[in-house]
Amino acid sequence: MHRPFSLPPLKAALISEAIAWSALAVLAPALAPPAARWFKARWPRAYPFLAPLAPWLHGVAIAYLALFLGSIPERDFGLRGFPAVSWAYALPICALALAAARWAGHYLAPFFEGADPWLRLLDEPRFALYRATGILWLGSAPLGIAAGLALAVAEWAIRAFARQGPRRTPPELPLRALLSAALFLFTRNFWATAGMQLILLLLLGRAQTAARPSTSRPEAGSAS
């Protein structure tokens, strides 16, 4: 008997795999501390060399494996299939975002404190994984992008609780995920989204440096 809401087996398998990869990325902040302690106890000499790879594993490796194994369509990820005009869309959007960053950079900089913009860019493939999972599952780009944003917020909440809850965690990751989602909504282009994200992060980094009080002048004065 035909079931009207049943999915084709291949698509159902792809959705299950995509959800599994996204769940691993969302839960990674809770799984990482015990895994790091176990690894440090097991291989103490190798740990200092491998620990810096953690952002690459979380941000890039999981998304790459999902793409490499065919669990995520490249089109939903934004690697291909986007219209060529998406680059033209990216230019005015980027100009508006740059103007907003210049105007609000002083106020937003405290939320983006403590990390290198290039290191933050490693989160972009993971945001794309969340979006692609949502698009594949729901069959709608706007709804899928919203679902991907919800997964990023869930990751941030798990990260906050993993760092012993009551401590206030800046909403940097949800803000960046929101910006990434808005850019991708208009461009459907991973490369344009990541490039604009990097430019904005560099501008916010400059605003943060400008807002930080400098101690070089008093030291120079005292030396003279």
Foldseek 3Di string as FASTA:
>chain_A
DDDPPDDDPVLVVLLVLLVVLLVCLLCVLLVVPVVLVVCCVVCVVCSVVCVVCVLLCNLPVSLVVCVVVVSFDPLLLQADDWDPCLVVVLVVVLVVLVVVCVVCLLVCLVLVPDDDLVSVLSNLSSLSSQLRSQCSVVVDNVRSLVRSLVSQVSSVQSNCVSVPNPPDRRPNRSVLSVQLSVSCVRRSHSVSSSVSSSVSSVSSVVSNVVPDDDDVVVVVVVVD
